[in-house]
Protein backbone atom coordinates (compact mmCIF):
# COMPACT_ATOMS: atom_id res chain seq x y z
CA UNK A 1 23.81 -31.35 99.67
CA UNK A 2 26.97 -29.28 99.38
CA UNK A 3 29.96 -29.87 101.62
CA UNK A 4 33.09 -27.77 102.00
CA UNK A 5 36.16 -29.47 103.40
CA UNK A 6 38.77 -27.07 104.76
CA UNK A 7 42.33 -28.27 105.18
CA UNK A 8 45.80 -28.57 103.76
CA UNK A 9 47.01 -30.96 101.06
CA UNK A 10 49.83 -32.58 103.07
CA UNK A 11 47.79 -33.15 106.26
CA UNK A 12 47.17 -36.88 106.81
CA UNK A 13 44.06 -36.04 108.85
CA UNK A 14 42.66 -34.12 105.88
CA UNK A 15 43.81 -36.71 103.36
CA UNK A 16 41.93 -39.55 105.01
CA UNK A 17 38.71 -37.51 104.85
CA UNK A 18 39.35 -36.64 101.19
CA UNK A 19 39.77 -40.38 100.55
CA UNK A 20 36.61 -41.17 102.52
CA UNK A 21 34.67 -38.63 100.45
CA UNK A 22 35.79 -40.12 97.13
CA UNK A 23 32.18 -40.68 96.04
CA UNK A 24 30.65 -37.79 98.03
CA UNK A 25 30.65 -34.42 96.23
CA UNK A 26 32.47 -31.66 98.10
CA UNK A 27 34.47 -28.49 97.56
CA UNK A 28 38.02 -28.58 98.91
CA UNK A 29 39.16 -25.27 100.42
CA UNK A 30 42.90 -25.38 100.83
CA UNK A 31 44.24 -23.53 103.84
CA UNK A 32 47.87 -22.92 104.73
CA UNK A 33 47.65 -22.82 108.52
CA UNK A 34 51.27 -21.65 108.84
CA UNK A 35 50.62 -18.37 107.04
CA UNK A 36 48.99 -15.45 108.86
CA UNK A 37 45.82 -15.36 106.75
CA UNK A 38 45.40 -19.13 106.95
CA UNK A 39 45.89 -19.13 110.71
CA UNK A 40 43.33 -16.34 111.14
CA UNK A 41 40.80 -18.23 109.01
CA UNK A 42 41.45 -21.41 111.00
CA UNK A 43 40.90 -19.49 114.27
CA UNK A 44 37.63 -18.14 112.90
CA UNK A 45 36.37 -21.62 111.95
CA UNK A 46 37.34 -23.62 115.04
CA UNK A 47 38.54 -22.86 118.57
CA UNK A 48 40.74 -25.99 118.54
CA UNK A 49 42.64 -24.62 115.52
CA UNK A 50 43.16 -27.91 113.76
CA UNK A 51 42.21 -29.33 110.40
CA UNK A 52 40.17 -30.75 108.75
CA UNK A 53 36.93 -28.85 109.11
CA UNK A 54 33.74 -29.94 107.36
CA UNK A 55 31.11 -27.34 106.61
CA UNK A 56 27.61 -28.60 105.82
CA UNK A 57 25.32 -25.62 105.39
CA UNK A 58 25.04 -23.96 108.82
CA UNK A 59 26.83 -26.82 110.57
CA UNK A 60 30.60 -26.93 111.10
CA UNK A 61 32.20 -30.22 112.16
CA UNK A 62 35.74 -30.38 113.61
CA UNK A 63 38.19 -33.26 113.81
CA UNK A 64 38.58 -36.05 111.29
CA UNK A 65 37.16 -38.75 113.62
CA UNK A 66 34.03 -36.68 114.24
CA UNK A 67 33.76 -35.88 110.51
CA UNK A 68 33.97 -39.61 109.81
CA UNK A 69 31.12 -40.30 112.27
CA UNK A 70 29.05 -37.45 110.83
CA UNK A 71 29.46 -38.61 107.24
CA UNK A 72 28.90 -42.24 108.24
CA UNK A 73 25.56 -41.34 109.77
CA UNK A 74 24.48 -39.08 106.91
CA UNK A 75 25.55 -41.44 104.11
CA UNK A 76 25.03 -44.85 105.70
CA UNK A 77 28.72 -45.75 105.67
CA UNK A 78 29.74 -48.87 107.59
CA UNK A 79 30.33 -48.29 111.29
CA UNK A 80 33.65 -49.29 112.80
CA UNK A 81 33.92 -52.38 114.96
CA UNK A 82 35.46 -51.98 118.42
CA UNK A 83 38.67 -53.57 117.13
CA UNK A 84 38.77 -51.04 114.28
CA UNK A 85 38.18 -48.21 116.78
CA UNK A 86 41.22 -49.41 118.76
CA UNK A 87 43.31 -49.64 115.59
CA UNK A 88 42.28 -46.11 114.67
CA UNK A 89 43.16 -44.86 118.16
CA UNK A 90 46.63 -46.41 117.79
CA UNK A 91 47.09 -44.83 114.35
CA UNK A 92 45.92 -41.45 115.63
CA UNK A 93 48.28 -41.67 118.62
CA UNK A 94 51.26 -42.29 116.37
CA UNK A 95 50.12 -39.59 113.98
CA UNK A 96 49.76 -37.03 116.77
CA UNK A 97 53.27 -37.89 117.95
CA UNK A 98 54.57 -37.55 114.39
CA UNK A 99 52.99 -34.10 114.08
CA UNK A 100 54.50 -33.09 117.43
CA UNK A 101 57.97 -34.18 116.25
CA UNK A 102 57.57 -32.25 112.99
CA UNK A 103 56.52 -29.11 114.87
CA UNK A 104 59.48 -29.50 117.24
CA UNK A 105 61.82 -29.85 114.28
CA UNK A 106 60.35 -26.75 112.62
CA UNK A 107 60.76 -24.91 115.93
CA UNK A 108 64.50 -25.63 115.98
CA UNK A 109 64.45 -28.54 118.45
CA UNK A 110 66.82 -31.37 117.61
CA UNK A 111 64.50 -34.38 117.38
CA UNK A 112 67.46 -36.74 117.58
CA UNK A 113 68.48 -35.29 120.98
CA UNK A 114 67.95 -37.39 124.12
CA UNK A 115 65.10 -35.20 125.37
CA UNK A 116 62.29 -36.85 127.33
CA UNK A 117 59.53 -35.37 125.16
CA UNK A 118 61.25 -36.51 121.96
CA UNK A 119 61.79 -39.99 123.40
CA UNK A 120 58.15 -40.26 124.49
CA UNK A 121 56.89 -39.39 121.01
CA UNK A 122 59.37 -41.70 119.28
CA UNK A 123 58.55 -44.54 121.68
CA UNK A 124 54.84 -44.13 121.00
CA UNK A 125 55.36 -44.22 117.23
CA UNK A 126 57.57 -47.33 117.50
CA UNK A 127 55.10 -49.04 119.82
CA UNK A 128 52.22 -48.39 117.42
CA UNK A 129 54.20 -49.55 114.39
CA UNK A 130 55.13 -52.74 116.24
CA UNK A 131 51.47 -53.23 117.18
CA UNK A 132 50.22 -52.63 113.62
CA UNK A 133 52.79 -54.76 111.79
CA UNK A 134 51.00 -58.12 112.32
CA UNK A 135 47.74 -56.56 111.11
CA UNK A 136 49.40 -55.45 107.86
CA UNK A 137 49.55 -59.06 106.69
CA UNK A 138 45.89 -59.77 107.46
CA UNK A 139 43.04 -59.48 104.99
CA UNK A 140 41.52 -56.71 107.12
CA UNK A 141 44.24 -54.34 105.94
CA UNK A 142 43.73 -55.31 102.31
CA UNK A 143 40.17 -53.98 102.48
CA UNK A 144 39.81 -50.29 101.75
CA UNK A 145 38.02 -48.62 104.64
CA UNK A 146 38.52 -45.69 107.01
CA UNK A 147 41.09 -47.59 109.09
CA UNK A 148 43.24 -48.49 106.08
CA UNK A 149 42.81 -44.97 104.66
CA UNK A 150 44.04 -43.62 107.99
CA UNK A 151 46.99 -46.00 108.16
CA UNK A 152 47.97 -45.23 104.57
CA UNK A 153 47.72 -41.47 105.19
CA UNK A 154 49.83 -41.73 108.35
CA UNK A 155 52.58 -43.94 106.91
CA UNK A 156 52.86 -42.00 103.66
CA UNK A 157 52.96 -38.65 105.48
CA UNK A 158 55.45 -39.87 108.12
CA UNK A 159 57.80 -41.17 105.41
CA UNK A 160 57.40 -37.93 103.43
CA UNK A 161 58.27 -35.88 106.54
CA UNK A 162 61.13 -38.23 107.55
CA UNK A 163 59.44 -39.00 110.86
CA UNK A 164 59.69 -42.79 110.44
CA UNK A 165 61.61 -45.41 108.52
CA UNK A 166 60.06 -48.68 107.37
CA UNK A 167 63.37 -50.37 106.62
CA UNK A 168 62.81 -52.87 109.44
CA UNK A 169 59.07 -53.20 108.77
CA UNK A 170 58.57 -54.80 105.34
CA UNK A 171 54.93 -55.72 106.09
CA UNK A 172 54.05 -52.03 106.41
CA UNK A 173 55.99 -51.23 103.22
CA UNK A 174 53.97 -53.94 101.46
CA UNK A 175 50.77 -52.42 102.85
CA UNK A 176 51.66 -49.12 101.18
CA UNK A 177 52.46 -50.89 97.90
CA UNK A 178 49.14 -52.73 98.01
CA UNK A 179 47.15 -49.49 98.03
CA UNK A 180 49.32 -46.86 96.33
CA UNK A 181 47.84 -47.27 92.84
CA UNK A 182 44.26 -46.68 93.95
CA UNK A 183 42.93 -43.66 92.01
CA UNK A 184 41.98 -41.79 95.22
CA UNK A 185 45.42 -42.41 96.73
CA UNK A 186 47.07 -41.00 93.62
CA UNK A 187 44.62 -38.07 93.48
CA UNK A 188 45.42 -37.08 97.09
CA UNK A 189 49.18 -37.70 96.91
CA UNK A 190 51.40 -35.14 98.65
CA UNK A 191 53.20 -33.12 95.95
CA UNK A 192 57.01 -33.27 96.23
CA UNK A 193 57.20 -29.46 96.20
CA UNK A 194 55.45 -29.24 99.60
CA UNK A 195 58.42 -30.43 101.64
């Protein structure tokens, strides 16, 4: 069995799959989707033009949630409970809003301006962080699973990209500290030079 995972190093969606595949052999094909060649390759691999992409022989799987389900089925990984599915939906919602804010910023839009679209994305992120904060102190978030990998990837990326601040959310800061020394977290860390 030989997998190829296509994606970028800083992407939190890619990072959570790289963490998930810690004990599953795969080749990582780095793709810079903001360069012309990378964008063309991405367009060739998937009509939705997003990463990660998992290639398993003749089969190509898009989207990190679908890749998680695919690998779970193939490798007998634990299925998510309905509560975990809801937590993951909240994390993904905040992450999608964070990506939208980053793309706006890179497009020259002032993401501190009182624009409705900016406010909607910021409100969603704040709402999700408020929702997740009580969970951060529970044992569920001390376990290392796809939900905690996803939360770690989101928070670390959002801090790296200056999309969020955890100054007022010490429980989420502690969550990051709890997991940051894991070998797979260190191995998939976003290099400083990629800002």
